[in-house]
Amino acid sequence: MLPGNINPRQMKAMMKKLGMNVEQIEDVQSIVIKTPKGNWIFDSAEVSAMTMQGQTTYQVTGNPRFEEAAPEIPAEDVTMVAAQANVPEEKAREALVACRGDIAEAIMKLAQ
């Protein structure tokens, strides 16, 4: 029973009268919401789709985890770090990623 002593079948009938249609989306493995700062990942999420007045709204339920986005490393930065530290560009890129794009820190790290 749902709150207010309404059983689920009655609730579904009332929603249908109001033009609402709710369905569970089955077998969802994961949901990823991408933002500039990183990604919200919902593993084993439950997803419902509710359609009302031609508009569909999705509800995601689950335990999210946040993964920060890797910084974009410009090619010029990679070239500069490689030249200053006298290392291959691949190694310079790895150092820049590890230092979150900080050029000075990457050069210092490679110089050690």
N, C-alpha and C. Protein backbone atom coordinates (compact mmCIF):
# COMPACT_ATOMS: atom_id res chain seq x y z
N MET A 1 0.83 -1.19 0.00
CA MET A 1 0.00 0.00 0.00
C MET A 1 0.87 1.25 0.00
N LEU A 2 0.44 2.23 -0.72
CA LEU A 2 1.12 3.51 -0.75
C LEU A 2 0.54 4.42 0.33
N PRO A 3 1.22 5.50 0.67
CA PRO A 3 0.68 6.43 1.67
C PRO A 3 -0.71 6.90 1.27
N GLY A 4 -1.56 7.10 2.26
CA GLY A 4 -2.92 7.55 2.00
C GLY A 4 -3.85 6.39 1.67
N ASN A 5 -3.44 5.16 2.00
CA ASN A 5 -4.24 3.96 1.77
C ASN A 5 -4.67 3.78 0.32
N ILE A 6 -3.81 4.12 -0.62
CA ILE A 6 -4.08 3.93 -2.05
C ILE A 6 -3.22 2.76 -2.50
N ASN A 7 -3.85 1.76 -3.10
CA ASN A 7 -3.03 0.64 -3.55
C ASN A 7 -2.40 0.99 -4.89
N PRO A 8 -1.31 0.34 -5.24
CA PRO A 8 -0.56 0.69 -6.46
C PRO A 8 -1.40 0.64 -7.73
N ARG A 9 -2.33 -0.30 -7.81
CA ARG A 9 -3.16 -0.40 -9.01
C ARG A 9 -4.06 0.83 -9.16
N GLN A 10 -4.64 1.30 -8.03
CA GLN A 10 -5.46 2.51 -8.06
C GLN A 10 -4.62 3.72 -8.45
N MET A 11 -3.42 3.80 -7.91
CA MET A 11 -2.53 4.92 -8.21
C MET A 11 -2.21 4.95 -9.71
N LYS A 12 -1.93 3.77 -10.28
CA LYS A 12 -1.61 3.69 -11.70
C LYS A 12 -2.82 4.12 -12.54
N ALA A 13 -4.01 3.72 -12.14
CA ALA A 13 -5.23 4.10 -12.87
C ALA A 13 -5.44 5.62 -12.79
N MET A 14 -5.22 6.21 -11.61
CA MET A 14 -5.38 7.66 -11.45
C MET A 14 -4.37 8.41 -12.32
N MET A 15 -3.13 7.92 -12.35
CA MET A 15 -2.10 8.57 -13.16
C MET A 15 -2.45 8.48 -14.64
N LYS A 16 -2.99 7.34 -15.06
CA LYS A 16 -3.37 7.18 -16.46
C LYS A 16 -4.49 8.16 -16.82
N LYS A 17 -5.45 8.36 -15.90
CA LYS A 17 -6.53 9.33 -16.14
C LYS A 17 -5.98 10.74 -16.32
N LEU A 18 -4.92 11.06 -15.59
CA LEU A 18 -4.31 12.38 -15.68
C LEU A 18 -3.37 12.51 -16.88
N GLY A 19 -3.24 11.44 -17.65
CA GLY A 19 -2.39 11.49 -18.83
C GLY A 19 -0.93 11.20 -18.53
N MET A 20 -0.68 10.60 -17.37
CA MET A 20 0.69 10.27 -16.99
C MET A 20 0.95 8.79 -17.26
N ASN A 21 2.12 8.51 -17.79
CA ASN A 21 2.52 7.13 -18.04
C ASN A 21 3.91 6.93 -17.46
N VAL A 22 4.05 5.98 -16.54
CA VAL A 22 5.33 5.72 -15.90
C VAL A 22 5.77 4.30 -16.22
N GLU A 23 7.00 4.15 -16.71
CA GLU A 23 7.54 2.82 -16.95
C GLU A 23 8.95 2.71 -16.39
N GLN A 24 9.27 1.52 -15.91
CA GLN A 24 10.62 1.22 -15.45
C GLN A 24 11.45 0.85 -16.68
N ILE A 25 12.66 1.34 -16.76
CA ILE A 25 13.58 0.93 -17.82
C ILE A 25 14.40 -0.22 -17.25
N GLU A 26 14.28 -1.37 -17.88
CA GLU A 26 14.88 -2.60 -17.36
C GLU A 26 16.35 -2.75 -17.75
N ASP A 27 17.07 -3.53 -16.98
CA ASP A 27 18.45 -3.94 -17.25
C ASP A 27 19.43 -2.78 -17.46
N VAL A 28 19.28 -1.72 -16.68
CA VAL A 28 20.21 -0.58 -16.77
C VAL A 28 21.51 -0.99 -16.09
N GLN A 29 22.62 -0.86 -16.80
CA GLN A 29 23.92 -1.23 -16.23
C GLN A 29 24.58 -0.03 -15.56
N SER A 30 24.57 1.13 -16.21
CA SER A 30 25.12 2.33 -15.59
C SER A 30 24.60 3.57 -16.31
N ILE A 31 24.64 4.69 -15.59
CA ILE A 31 24.24 5.99 -16.13
C ILE A 31 25.44 6.91 -15.91
N VAL A 32 25.81 7.68 -16.94
CA VAL A 32 26.92 8.62 -16.83
C VAL A 32 26.40 10.01 -17.16
N ILE A 33 26.58 10.95 -16.24
CA ILE A 33 26.22 12.34 -16.48
C ILE A 33 27.54 13.10 -16.58
N LYS A 34 27.81 13.65 -17.77
CA LYS A 34 29.08 14.33 -18.02
C LYS A 34 28.94 15.82 -17.76
N THR A 35 29.89 16.37 -17.00
CA THR A 35 29.95 17.81 -16.74
C THR A 35 31.37 18.28 -17.04
N PRO A 36 31.59 19.58 -17.17
CA PRO A 36 32.95 20.06 -17.43
C PRO A 36 33.95 19.68 -16.34
N LYS A 37 33.48 19.55 -15.10
CA LYS A 37 34.39 19.24 -14.00
C LYS A 37 34.61 17.74 -13.81
N GLY A 38 33.77 16.91 -14.43
CA GLY A 38 33.92 15.47 -14.27
C GLY A 38 32.64 14.74 -14.60
N ASN A 39 32.59 13.47 -14.24
CA ASN A 39 31.44 12.63 -14.56
C ASN A 39 30.81 12.06 -13.29
N TRP A 40 29.47 12.07 -13.25
CA TRP A 40 28.71 11.40 -12.21
C TRP A 40 28.35 10.04 -12.79
N ILE A 41 28.72 8.97 -12.10
CA ILE A 41 28.46 7.63 -12.59
C ILE A 41 27.57 6.89 -11.60
N PHE A 42 26.44 6.38 -12.10
CA PHE A 42 25.51 5.60 -11.30
C PHE A 42 25.62 4.16 -11.80
N ASP A 43 26.20 3.26 -11.01
CA ASP A 43 26.25 1.85 -11.38
C ASP A 43 25.00 1.16 -10.84
N SER A 44 24.47 0.21 -11.59
CA SER A 44 23.27 -0.53 -11.19
C SER A 44 22.14 0.41 -10.77
N ALA A 45 21.88 1.41 -11.57
CA ALA A 45 20.86 2.40 -11.25
C ALA A 45 19.47 1.89 -11.63
N GLU A 46 18.47 2.41 -10.96
CA GLU A 46 17.08 2.17 -11.34
C GLU A 46 16.61 3.42 -12.06
N VAL A 47 16.00 3.24 -13.23
CA VAL A 47 15.57 4.38 -14.04
C VAL A 47 14.10 4.22 -14.37
N SER A 48 13.32 5.28 -14.12
CA SER A 48 11.91 5.32 -14.52
C SER A 48 11.73 6.45 -15.51
N ALA A 49 10.87 6.20 -16.49
CA ALA A 49 10.53 7.23 -17.47
C ALA A 49 9.07 7.61 -17.26
N MET A 50 8.81 8.90 -17.02
CA MET A 50 7.44 9.37 -16.81
C MET A 50 7.09 10.32 -17.94
N THR A 51 6.04 9.97 -18.68
CA THR A 51 5.60 10.82 -19.79
C THR A 51 4.29 11.50 -19.39
N MET A 52 4.28 12.82 -19.53
CA MET A 52 3.09 13.61 -19.19
C MET A 52 3.03 14.79 -20.14
N GLN A 53 1.92 14.96 -20.81
CA GLN A 53 1.69 16.05 -21.76
C GLN A 53 2.79 16.09 -22.83
N GLY A 54 3.18 14.91 -23.32
CA GLY A 54 4.16 14.84 -24.39
C GLY A 54 5.60 15.04 -23.95
N GLN A 55 5.82 15.29 -22.69
CA GLN A 55 7.17 15.51 -22.15
C GLN A 55 7.59 14.29 -21.35
N THR A 56 8.78 13.76 -21.61
CA THR A 56 9.28 12.60 -20.86
C THR A 56 10.35 13.05 -19.88
N THR A 57 10.18 12.64 -18.63
CA THR A 57 11.13 12.94 -17.58
C THR A 57 11.70 11.62 -17.06
N TYR A 58 13.02 11.59 -16.86
CA TYR A 58 13.67 10.38 -16.37
C TYR A 58 14.10 10.59 -14.93
N GLN A 59 13.85 9.57 -14.10
CA GLN A 59 14.27 9.62 -12.71
C GLN A 59 15.31 8.52 -12.49
N VAL A 60 16.47 8.91 -11.99
CA VAL A 60 17.56 7.96 -11.75
C VAL A 60 17.72 7.80 -10.25
N THR A 61 17.72 6.54 -9.79
CA THR A 61 17.91 6.25 -8.38
C THR A 61 19.09 5.30 -8.24
N GLY A 62 20.00 5.62 -7.35
CA GLY A 62 21.16 4.77 -7.13
C GLY A 62 22.23 5.51 -6.35
N ASN A 63 23.37 4.89 -6.21
CA ASN A 63 24.49 5.51 -5.49
C ASN A 63 25.50 6.05 -6.50
N PRO A 64 25.60 7.39 -6.60
CA PRO A 64 26.53 7.96 -7.57
C PRO A 64 27.95 8.04 -7.03
N ARG A 65 28.89 8.05 -7.95
CA ARG A 65 30.28 8.37 -7.60
C ARG A 65 30.74 9.41 -8.61
N PHE A 66 31.65 10.27 -8.18
CA PHE A 66 32.11 11.36 -9.03
C PHE A 66 33.55 11.11 -9.43
N GLU A 67 33.83 11.19 -10.73
CA GLU A 67 35.19 11.07 -11.23
C GLU A 67 35.57 12.40 -11.87
N GLU A 68 36.62 13.02 -11.35
CA GLU A 68 37.06 14.30 -11.90
C GLU A 68 37.57 14.13 -13.32
N ALA A 69 37.29 15.13 -14.15
CA ALA A 69 37.76 15.10 -15.53
C ALA A 69 39.26 15.36 -15.57
N ALA A 70 39.92 14.66 -16.47
CA ALA A 70 41.35 14.92 -16.67
C ALA A 70 41.49 16.27 -17.36
N PRO A 71 42.46 17.07 -16.95
CA PRO A 71 42.61 18.38 -17.57
C PRO A 71 43.05 18.26 -19.03
N GLU A 72 42.59 19.19 -19.85
CA GLU A 72 43.03 19.21 -21.24
C GLU A 72 44.42 19.82 -21.27
N ILE A 73 45.34 19.11 -21.89
CA ILE A 73 46.72 19.57 -21.95
C ILE A 73 47.01 20.05 -23.37
N PRO A 74 47.22 21.36 -23.56
CA PRO A 74 47.52 21.88 -24.90
C PRO A 74 48.85 21.33 -25.42
N ALA A 75 48.93 21.15 -26.73
CA ALA A 75 50.14 20.61 -27.38
C ALA A 75 51.35 21.50 -27.10
N GLU A 76 51.12 22.83 -27.04
CA GLU A 76 52.23 23.76 -26.78
C GLU A 76 52.85 23.49 -25.40
N ASP A 77 52.00 23.19 -24.42
CA ASP A 77 52.50 22.91 -23.07
C ASP A 77 53.36 21.64 -23.08
N VAL A 78 52.89 20.63 -23.81
CA VAL A 78 53.65 19.37 -23.89
C VAL A 78 55.01 19.62 -24.52
N THR A 79 55.02 20.38 -25.62
CA THR A 79 56.27 20.69 -26.32
C THR A 79 57.22 21.46 -25.42
N MET A 80 56.69 22.45 -24.69
CA MET A 80 57.53 23.26 -23.82
C MET A 80 58.15 22.42 -22.70
N VAL A 81 57.32 21.59 -22.05
CA VAL A 81 57.82 20.76 -20.96
C VAL A 81 58.86 19.77 -21.48
N ALA A 82 58.60 19.17 -22.64
CA ALA A 82 59.54 18.21 -23.23
C ALA A 82 60.88 18.88 -23.52
N ALA A 83 60.85 20.10 -24.05
CA ALA A 83 62.08 20.83 -24.37
C ALA A 83 62.83 21.23 -23.11
N GLN A 84 62.11 21.76 -22.13
CA GLN A 84 62.75 22.23 -20.89
C GLN A 84 63.35 21.08 -20.07
N ALA A 85 62.64 19.94 -20.04
CA ALA A 85 63.10 18.81 -19.22
C ALA A 85 63.94 17.83 -20.02
N ASN A 86 64.05 18.08 -21.34
CA ASN A 86 64.84 17.23 -22.22
C ASN A 86 64.36 15.77 -22.17
N VAL A 87 63.03 15.60 -22.35
CA VAL A 87 62.42 14.27 -22.35
C VAL A 87 61.50 14.15 -23.57
N PRO A 88 61.11 12.93 -23.95
CA PRO A 88 60.17 12.78 -25.06
C PRO A 88 58.81 13.39 -24.72
N GLU A 89 58.05 13.77 -25.76
CA GLU A 89 56.75 14.42 -25.53
C GLU A 89 55.78 13.52 -24.78
N GLU A 90 55.85 12.22 -25.01
CA GLU A 90 54.95 11.30 -24.31
C GLU A 90 55.17 11.37 -22.80
N LYS A 91 56.43 11.40 -22.40
CA LYS A 91 56.77 11.49 -20.97
C LYS A 91 56.35 12.85 -20.41
N ALA A 92 56.49 13.91 -21.21
CA ALA A 92 56.09 15.25 -20.79
C ALA A 92 54.58 15.31 -20.58
N ARG A 93 53.81 14.68 -21.50
CA ARG A 93 52.35 14.66 -21.36
C ARG A 93 51.94 13.92 -20.08
N GLU A 94 52.58 12.78 -19.80
CA GLU A 94 52.27 12.02 -18.58
C GLU A 94 52.52 12.87 -17.33
N ALA A 95 53.63 13.60 -17.33
CA ALA A 95 53.95 14.46 -16.19
C ALA A 95 52.93 15.58 -16.04
N LEU A 96 52.51 16.17 -17.15
CA LEU A 96 51.51 17.25 -17.09
C LEU A 96 50.17 16.72 -16.57
N VAL A 97 49.77 15.54 -16.99
CA VAL A 97 48.52 14.95 -16.50
C VAL A 97 48.64 14.69 -15.01
N ALA A 98 49.77 14.13 -14.57
CA ALA A 98 49.98 13.84 -13.15
C ALA A 98 49.98 15.11 -12.31
N CYS A 99 50.44 16.22 -12.90
CA CYS A 99 50.51 17.51 -12.18
C CYS A 99 49.29 18.38 -12.48
N ARG A 100 48.24 17.80 -13.06
CA ARG A 100 46.99 18.51 -13.37
C ARG A 100 47.22 19.75 -14.21
N GLY A 101 48.17 19.67 -15.17
CA GLY A 101 48.40 20.76 -16.11
C GLY A 101 49.38 21.83 -15.65
N ASP A 102 49.94 21.69 -14.47
CA ASP A 102 50.88 22.69 -13.94
C ASP A 102 52.25 22.50 -14.62
N ILE A 103 52.61 23.43 -15.49
CA ILE A 103 53.83 23.32 -16.30
C ILE A 103 55.08 23.30 -15.42
N ALA A 104 55.19 24.25 -14.50
CA ALA A 104 56.38 24.34 -13.65
C ALA A 104 56.56 23.08 -12.82
N GLU A 105 55.48 22.59 -12.25
CA GLU A 105 55.55 21.38 -11.42
C GLU A 105 55.97 20.17 -12.26
N ALA A 106 55.45 20.08 -13.49
CA ALA A 106 55.80 18.97 -14.37
C ALA A 106 57.28 18.99 -14.72
N ILE A 107 57.82 20.19 -15.01
CA ILE A 107 59.25 20.31 -15.33
C ILE A 107 60.10 19.92 -14.13
N MET A 108 59.70 20.40 -12.94
CA MET A 108 60.44 20.06 -11.71
C MET A 108 60.42 18.55 -11.47
N LYS A 109 59.27 17.95 -11.67
CA LYS A 109 59.12 16.51 -11.46
C LYS A 109 60.03 15.72 -12.40
N LEU A 110 60.08 16.14 -13.66
CA LEU A 110 60.90 15.45 -14.65
C LEU A 110 62.39 15.70 -14.45
N ALA A 111 62.74 16.82 -13.84
CA ALA A 111 64.14 17.17 -13.63
C ALA A 111 64.77 16.38 -12.48
N GLN A 112 63.96 15.77 -11.65
CA GLN A 112 64.47 15.04 -10.48
C GLN A 112 65.16 13.76 -10.89
